[in-house]
């Protein structure tokens, strides 16, 4: 094993655990997280189990969504913030029949912000 493999070989399981904790504290299911991140439920489940990772863009999104630093998500450095996420609160208070529309709106806003 080279030094690179030694340093990063275990980051995915620990990162997955931290993402799972953030998700649970936000009251979201794996299915909702997969929908928000636009990935399959299987892929998202594998992220939480440390089998696979997420793109940098999705990790940045999660750090904003959960109000935690990338250092916390990736390495566990620092403490997670306990500030409730405005997006999670908005989603939770949204009527079930409008939740899909809310997610589409958020995705469209993200696209507009990237332009």
N, C-alpha and C. Protein backbone atom coordinates (compact mmCIF):
# COMPACT_ATOMS: atom_id res chain seq x y z
N UNK A 1 0.85 -1.17 0.00
CA UNK A 1 0.00 0.00 0.00
C UNK A 1 0.89 1.24 0.00
N UNK A 2 0.63 2.16 -0.94
CA UNK A 2 1.41 3.39 -0.96
C UNK A 2 0.82 4.41 0.03
N UNK A 3 1.50 5.53 0.24
CA UNK A 3 1.09 6.53 1.22
C UNK A 3 -0.27 7.11 0.88
N UNK A 4 -0.57 7.32 -0.39
CA UNK A 4 -1.86 7.85 -0.81
C UNK A 4 -2.98 6.91 -0.37
N UNK A 5 -2.83 5.62 -0.66
CA UNK A 5 -3.84 4.64 -0.27
C UNK A 5 -3.99 4.58 1.25
N UNK A 6 -2.88 4.67 1.95
CA UNK A 6 -2.90 4.60 3.41
C UNK A 6 -3.68 5.78 4.01
N UNK A 7 -3.48 6.97 3.45
CA UNK A 7 -4.12 8.17 4.00
C UNK A 7 -5.61 8.19 3.74
N UNK A 8 -6.04 7.81 2.54
CA UNK A 8 -7.46 7.99 2.21
C UNK A 8 -8.27 6.69 2.15
N UNK A 9 -7.71 5.56 2.45
CA UNK A 9 -8.44 4.32 2.21
C UNK A 9 -9.71 4.17 3.01
N UNK A 10 -9.83 4.81 4.15
CA UNK A 10 -11.01 4.62 4.98
C UNK A 10 -11.93 5.84 5.05
N UNK A 11 -11.80 6.81 4.16
CA UNK A 11 -12.61 8.01 4.30
C UNK A 11 -14.09 7.78 3.98
N UNK A 12 -14.41 6.89 3.06
CA UNK A 12 -15.81 6.70 2.65
C UNK A 12 -16.70 6.15 3.76
N UNK A 13 -16.30 5.12 4.50
CA UNK A 13 -17.18 4.64 5.58
C UNK A 13 -17.46 5.70 6.64
N UNK A 14 -16.42 6.43 7.05
CA UNK A 14 -16.61 7.46 8.07
C UNK A 14 -17.43 8.62 7.52
N UNK A 15 -17.18 9.01 6.29
CA UNK A 15 -17.96 10.08 5.68
C UNK A 15 -19.42 9.65 5.55
N UNK A 16 -19.65 8.43 5.15
CA UNK A 16 -21.02 7.92 5.03
C UNK A 16 -21.76 7.96 6.35
N UNK A 17 -21.07 7.62 7.43
CA UNK A 17 -21.70 7.68 8.76
C UNK A 17 -22.08 9.11 9.12
N UNK A 18 -21.20 10.06 8.83
CA UNK A 18 -21.50 11.46 9.14
C UNK A 18 -22.66 11.97 8.30
N UNK A 19 -22.71 11.59 7.03
CA UNK A 19 -23.83 12.00 6.18
C UNK A 19 -25.12 11.40 6.70
N UNK A 20 -25.08 10.13 7.11
CA UNK A 20 -26.27 9.48 7.66
C UNK A 20 -26.77 10.21 8.90
N UNK A 21 -25.84 10.57 9.80
CA UNK A 21 -26.22 11.29 11.02
C UNK A 21 -26.88 12.62 10.67
N UNK A 22 -26.28 13.36 9.75
CA UNK A 22 -26.85 14.65 9.34
C UNK A 22 -28.25 14.46 8.75
N UNK A 23 -28.39 13.44 7.90
CA UNK A 23 -29.70 13.16 7.29
C UNK A 23 -30.73 12.85 8.35
N UNK A 24 -30.38 11.98 9.29
CA UNK A 24 -31.32 11.58 10.33
C UNK A 24 -31.69 12.77 11.22
N UNK A 25 -30.71 13.60 11.55
CA UNK A 25 -30.98 14.78 12.37
C UNK A 25 -31.89 15.77 11.64
N UNK A 26 -31.86 15.72 10.32
CA UNK A 26 -32.72 16.61 9.53
C UNK A 26 -34.09 15.99 9.28
N UNK A 27 -34.28 14.75 9.71
CA UNK A 27 -35.57 14.09 9.55
C UNK A 27 -35.87 13.65 8.13
N UNK A 28 -34.83 13.42 7.34
CA UNK A 28 -35.02 13.00 5.95
C UNK A 28 -34.79 11.50 5.82
N UNK A 29 -35.50 10.88 4.91
CA UNK A 29 -35.30 9.46 4.61
C UNK A 29 -34.22 9.33 3.54
N UNK A 30 -33.71 8.13 3.38
CA UNK A 30 -32.75 7.88 2.30
C UNK A 30 -33.41 8.14 0.95
N UNK A 31 -34.67 7.81 0.83
CA UNK A 31 -35.37 8.02 -0.43
C UNK A 31 -35.44 9.51 -0.77
N UNK A 32 -35.75 10.34 0.22
CA UNK A 32 -35.83 11.79 -0.01
C UNK A 32 -34.45 12.36 -0.34
N UNK A 33 -33.40 11.88 0.34
CA UNK A 33 -32.05 12.36 0.05
C UNK A 33 -31.64 11.98 -1.36
N UNK A 34 -31.96 10.77 -1.77
CA UNK A 34 -31.64 10.35 -3.14
C UNK A 34 -32.36 11.24 -4.14
N UNK A 35 -33.60 11.57 -3.86
CA UNK A 35 -34.37 12.44 -4.75
C UNK A 35 -33.75 13.84 -4.79
N UNK A 36 -33.41 14.39 -3.64
CA UNK A 36 -32.81 15.73 -3.56
C UNK A 36 -31.48 15.78 -4.31
N UNK A 37 -30.68 14.72 -4.16
CA UNK A 37 -29.35 14.68 -4.80
C UNK A 37 -29.40 14.19 -6.24
N UNK A 38 -30.58 13.76 -6.67
CA UNK A 38 -30.76 13.26 -8.03
C UNK A 38 -29.86 12.04 -8.30
N UNK A 39 -29.88 11.10 -7.35
CA UNK A 39 -29.18 9.83 -7.49
C UNK A 39 -30.18 8.72 -7.15
N UNK A 40 -29.84 7.50 -7.47
CA UNK A 40 -30.73 6.40 -7.13
C UNK A 40 -30.68 6.14 -5.62
N UNK A 41 -31.71 5.52 -5.11
CA UNK A 41 -31.74 5.16 -3.69
C UNK A 41 -30.61 4.18 -3.40
N UNK A 42 -30.36 3.27 -4.33
CA UNK A 42 -29.26 2.30 -4.16
C UNK A 42 -27.93 3.02 -4.02
N UNK A 43 -27.68 4.00 -4.90
CA UNK A 43 -26.42 4.74 -4.84
C UNK A 43 -26.32 5.50 -3.51
N UNK A 44 -27.39 6.16 -3.11
CA UNK A 44 -27.34 6.92 -1.86
C UNK A 44 -27.10 5.98 -0.68
N UNK A 45 -27.74 4.84 -0.66
CA UNK A 45 -27.54 3.86 0.40
C UNK A 45 -26.07 3.42 0.45
N UNK A 46 -25.47 3.24 -0.72
CA UNK A 46 -24.06 2.85 -0.78
C UNK A 46 -23.14 3.96 -0.26
N UNK A 47 -23.55 5.21 -0.44
CA UNK A 47 -22.79 6.33 0.11
C UNK A 47 -22.79 6.25 1.63
N UNK A 48 -23.96 6.07 2.21
CA UNK A 48 -24.05 6.01 3.67
C UNK A 48 -23.32 4.79 4.25
N UNK A 49 -23.24 3.72 3.48
CA UNK A 49 -22.53 2.52 3.94
C UNK A 49 -21.05 2.57 3.63
N UNK A 50 -20.60 3.63 2.97
CA UNK A 50 -19.17 3.79 2.70
C UNK A 50 -18.66 2.99 1.53
N UNK A 51 -19.54 2.53 0.67
CA UNK A 51 -19.13 1.74 -0.48
C UNK A 51 -18.70 2.64 -1.63
N UNK A 52 -19.38 3.76 -1.78
CA UNK A 52 -19.08 4.69 -2.86
C UNK A 52 -19.12 6.11 -2.31
N UNK A 53 -18.69 7.06 -3.12
CA UNK A 53 -18.68 8.46 -2.70
C UNK A 53 -19.65 9.29 -3.52
N UNK A 54 -19.56 10.60 -3.32
CA UNK A 54 -20.36 11.56 -4.06
C UNK A 54 -19.43 12.54 -4.77
N UNK A 55 -19.96 13.18 -5.78
CA UNK A 55 -19.17 14.20 -6.49
C UNK A 55 -18.89 15.37 -5.56
N UNK A 56 -17.89 16.14 -5.90
CA UNK A 56 -17.56 17.33 -5.12
C UNK A 56 -18.77 18.27 -5.07
N UNK A 57 -19.45 18.42 -6.19
CA UNK A 57 -20.61 19.31 -6.24
C UNK A 57 -21.68 18.86 -5.26
N UNK A 58 -21.94 17.57 -5.20
CA UNK A 58 -22.97 17.06 -4.27
C UNK A 58 -22.52 17.20 -2.82
N UNK A 59 -21.23 17.02 -2.56
CA UNK A 59 -20.73 17.21 -1.20
C UNK A 59 -20.84 18.67 -0.76
N UNK A 60 -20.55 19.59 -1.67
CA UNK A 60 -20.71 21.01 -1.36
C UNK A 60 -22.17 21.30 -1.07
N UNK A 61 -23.06 20.75 -1.88
CA UNK A 61 -24.50 20.94 -1.64
C UNK A 61 -24.88 20.42 -0.26
N UNK A 62 -24.40 19.22 0.10
CA UNK A 62 -24.73 18.66 1.42
C UNK A 62 -24.18 19.52 2.55
N UNK A 63 -23.01 20.09 2.37
CA UNK A 63 -22.45 20.92 3.43
C UNK A 63 -23.35 22.14 3.66
N UNK A 64 -23.91 22.69 2.59
CA UNK A 64 -24.84 23.81 2.73
C UNK A 64 -26.17 23.34 3.29
N UNK A 65 -26.67 22.24 2.80
CA UNK A 65 -27.95 21.70 3.24
C UNK A 65 -27.95 21.43 4.74
N UNK A 66 -26.88 20.82 5.22
CA UNK A 66 -26.81 20.42 6.63
C UNK A 66 -26.10 21.45 7.51
N UNK A 67 -25.62 22.54 6.92
CA UNK A 67 -24.89 23.58 7.66
C UNK A 67 -23.67 23.00 8.38
N UNK A 68 -22.91 22.22 7.65
CA UNK A 68 -21.65 21.66 8.18
C UNK A 68 -20.54 21.97 7.18
N UNK A 69 -19.31 21.92 7.63
CA UNK A 69 -18.19 22.19 6.73
C UNK A 69 -17.86 20.94 5.91
N UNK A 70 -17.19 21.17 4.79
CA UNK A 70 -16.69 20.04 4.01
C UNK A 70 -15.68 19.24 4.82
N UNK A 71 -14.88 19.93 5.64
CA UNK A 71 -13.93 19.23 6.50
C UNK A 71 -14.65 18.25 7.41
N UNK A 72 -15.79 18.66 7.92
CA UNK A 72 -16.55 17.75 8.79
C UNK A 72 -17.05 16.56 7.98
N UNK A 73 -17.66 16.80 6.82
CA UNK A 73 -18.19 15.69 6.03
C UNK A 73 -17.09 14.72 5.60
N UNK A 74 -15.99 15.26 5.09
CA UNK A 74 -14.93 14.41 4.54
C UNK A 74 -14.04 13.78 5.58
N UNK A 75 -13.64 14.57 6.60
CA UNK A 75 -12.63 14.09 7.54
C UNK A 75 -13.10 14.03 8.98
N UNK A 76 -14.26 14.58 9.28
CA UNK A 76 -14.74 14.59 10.65
C UNK A 76 -14.12 15.69 11.48
N UNK A 77 -13.41 16.63 10.84
CA UNK A 77 -12.79 17.74 11.57
C UNK A 77 -13.85 18.75 11.96
N UNK A 78 -13.75 19.25 13.16
CA UNK A 78 -14.71 20.24 13.63
C UNK A 78 -15.99 19.57 14.07
N UNK A 79 -16.91 20.38 14.47
CA UNK A 79 -18.20 19.88 14.95
C UNK A 79 -19.29 20.24 13.96
N UNK A 80 -20.27 19.37 13.82
CA UNK A 80 -21.39 19.72 12.96
C UNK A 80 -22.20 20.84 13.62
N UNK A 81 -22.75 21.71 12.82
CA UNK A 81 -23.59 22.78 13.36
C UNK A 81 -24.94 22.20 13.73
N UNK A 82 -25.56 22.79 14.71
CA UNK A 82 -26.88 22.31 15.13
C UNK A 82 -27.99 23.23 14.63
N UNK A 83 -27.63 24.14 13.72
CA UNK A 83 -28.62 25.06 13.17
C UNK A 83 -29.53 24.29 12.23
N UNK A 84 -30.85 24.37 12.42
CA UNK A 84 -31.74 23.66 11.49
C UNK A 84 -31.64 24.25 10.09
N UNK A 85 -31.72 23.41 9.13
CA UNK A 85 -31.58 23.84 7.74
C UNK A 85 -32.90 24.41 7.24
N UNK A 86 -32.85 25.59 6.66
CA UNK A 86 -34.06 26.24 6.15
C UNK A 86 -34.71 25.41 5.04
N UNK A 87 -33.89 24.75 4.22
CA UNK A 87 -34.47 23.92 3.17
C UNK A 87 -35.19 22.70 3.73
N UNK A 88 -34.61 22.11 4.75
CA UNK A 88 -35.25 20.96 5.38
C UNK A 88 -36.56 21.38 6.04
N UNK A 89 -36.53 22.50 6.74
CA UNK A 89 -37.75 23.00 7.38
C UNK A 89 -38.82 23.31 6.34
N UNK A 90 -38.41 23.93 5.24
CA UNK A 90 -39.34 24.25 4.17
C UNK A 90 -39.94 22.97 3.58
N UNK A 91 -39.10 21.98 3.34
CA UNK A 91 -39.56 20.71 2.79
C UNK A 91 -40.53 20.03 3.75
N UNK A 92 -40.18 20.00 5.03
CA UNK A 92 -41.03 19.35 6.03
C UNK A 92 -42.40 20.02 6.14
N UNK A 93 -42.44 21.33 5.98
CA UNK A 93 -43.71 22.05 6.14
C UNK A 93 -44.53 22.09 4.85
N UNK A 94 -43.94 21.64 3.78
CA UNK A 94 -44.61 21.66 2.48
C UNK A 94 -45.65 20.53 2.41
N UNK A 95 -46.85 20.81 1.88
CA UNK A 95 -47.83 19.73 1.70
C UNK A 95 -47.27 18.63 0.80
N UNK A 96 -47.59 17.39 1.10
CA UNK A 96 -47.05 16.25 0.36
C UNK A 96 -47.24 16.38 -1.15
N UNK A 97 -48.39 16.89 -1.56
CA UNK A 97 -48.67 16.97 -3.00
C UNK A 97 -47.82 18.03 -3.70
N UNK A 98 -47.12 18.89 -2.93
CA UNK A 98 -46.29 19.93 -3.54
C UNK A 98 -44.79 19.70 -3.34
N UNK A 99 -44.42 18.63 -2.65
CA UNK A 99 -43.00 18.38 -2.37
C UNK A 99 -42.19 18.15 -3.64
N UNK A 100 -42.73 17.43 -4.60
CA UNK A 100 -42.02 17.19 -5.86
C UNK A 100 -41.78 18.51 -6.58
N UNK A 101 -42.77 19.39 -6.57
CA UNK A 101 -42.61 20.71 -7.21
C UNK A 101 -41.54 21.53 -6.50
N UNK A 102 -41.49 21.45 -5.18
CA UNK A 102 -40.48 22.18 -4.41
C UNK A 102 -39.08 21.70 -4.77
N UNK A 103 -38.89 20.41 -4.89
CA UNK A 103 -37.58 19.86 -5.26
C UNK A 103 -37.18 20.32 -6.66
N UNK A 104 -38.13 20.31 -7.59
CA UNK A 104 -37.85 20.80 -8.95
C UNK A 104 -37.45 22.27 -8.92
N UNK A 105 -38.14 23.06 -8.11
CA UNK A 105 -37.83 24.48 -7.99
C UNK A 105 -36.42 24.70 -7.46
N UNK A 106 -36.04 23.94 -6.44
CA UNK A 106 -34.69 24.06 -5.88
C UNK A 106 -33.64 23.68 -6.91
N UNK A 107 -33.89 22.62 -7.66
CA UNK A 107 -32.95 22.20 -8.71
C UNK A 107 -32.83 23.28 -9.79
N UNK A 108 -33.96 23.89 -10.16
CA UNK A 108 -33.92 24.97 -11.16
C UNK A 108 -33.16 26.18 -10.63
N UNK A 109 -33.31 26.51 -9.36
CA UNK A 109 -32.56 27.61 -8.78
C UNK A 109 -31.06 27.32 -8.81
N UNK A 110 -30.71 26.09 -8.55
CA UNK A 110 -29.30 25.71 -8.58
C UNK A 110 -28.73 25.92 -9.99
N UNK A 111 -29.48 25.52 -10.99
CA UNK A 111 -29.04 25.70 -12.39
C UNK A 111 -28.87 27.19 -12.69
N UNK A 112 -29.82 28.00 -12.27
CA UNK A 112 -29.73 29.45 -12.50
C UNK A 112 -28.52 30.05 -11.81
N UNK A 113 -28.20 29.58 -10.62
CA UNK A 113 -27.07 30.11 -9.87
C UNK A 113 -25.74 29.76 -10.53
N UNK A 114 -25.70 28.64 -11.26
CA UNK A 114 -24.48 28.19 -11.91
C UNK A 114 -24.21 28.94 -13.22
N UNK A 115 -25.20 29.64 -13.73
CA UNK A 115 -25.03 30.35 -15.01
C UNK A 115 -24.19 31.59 -14.84
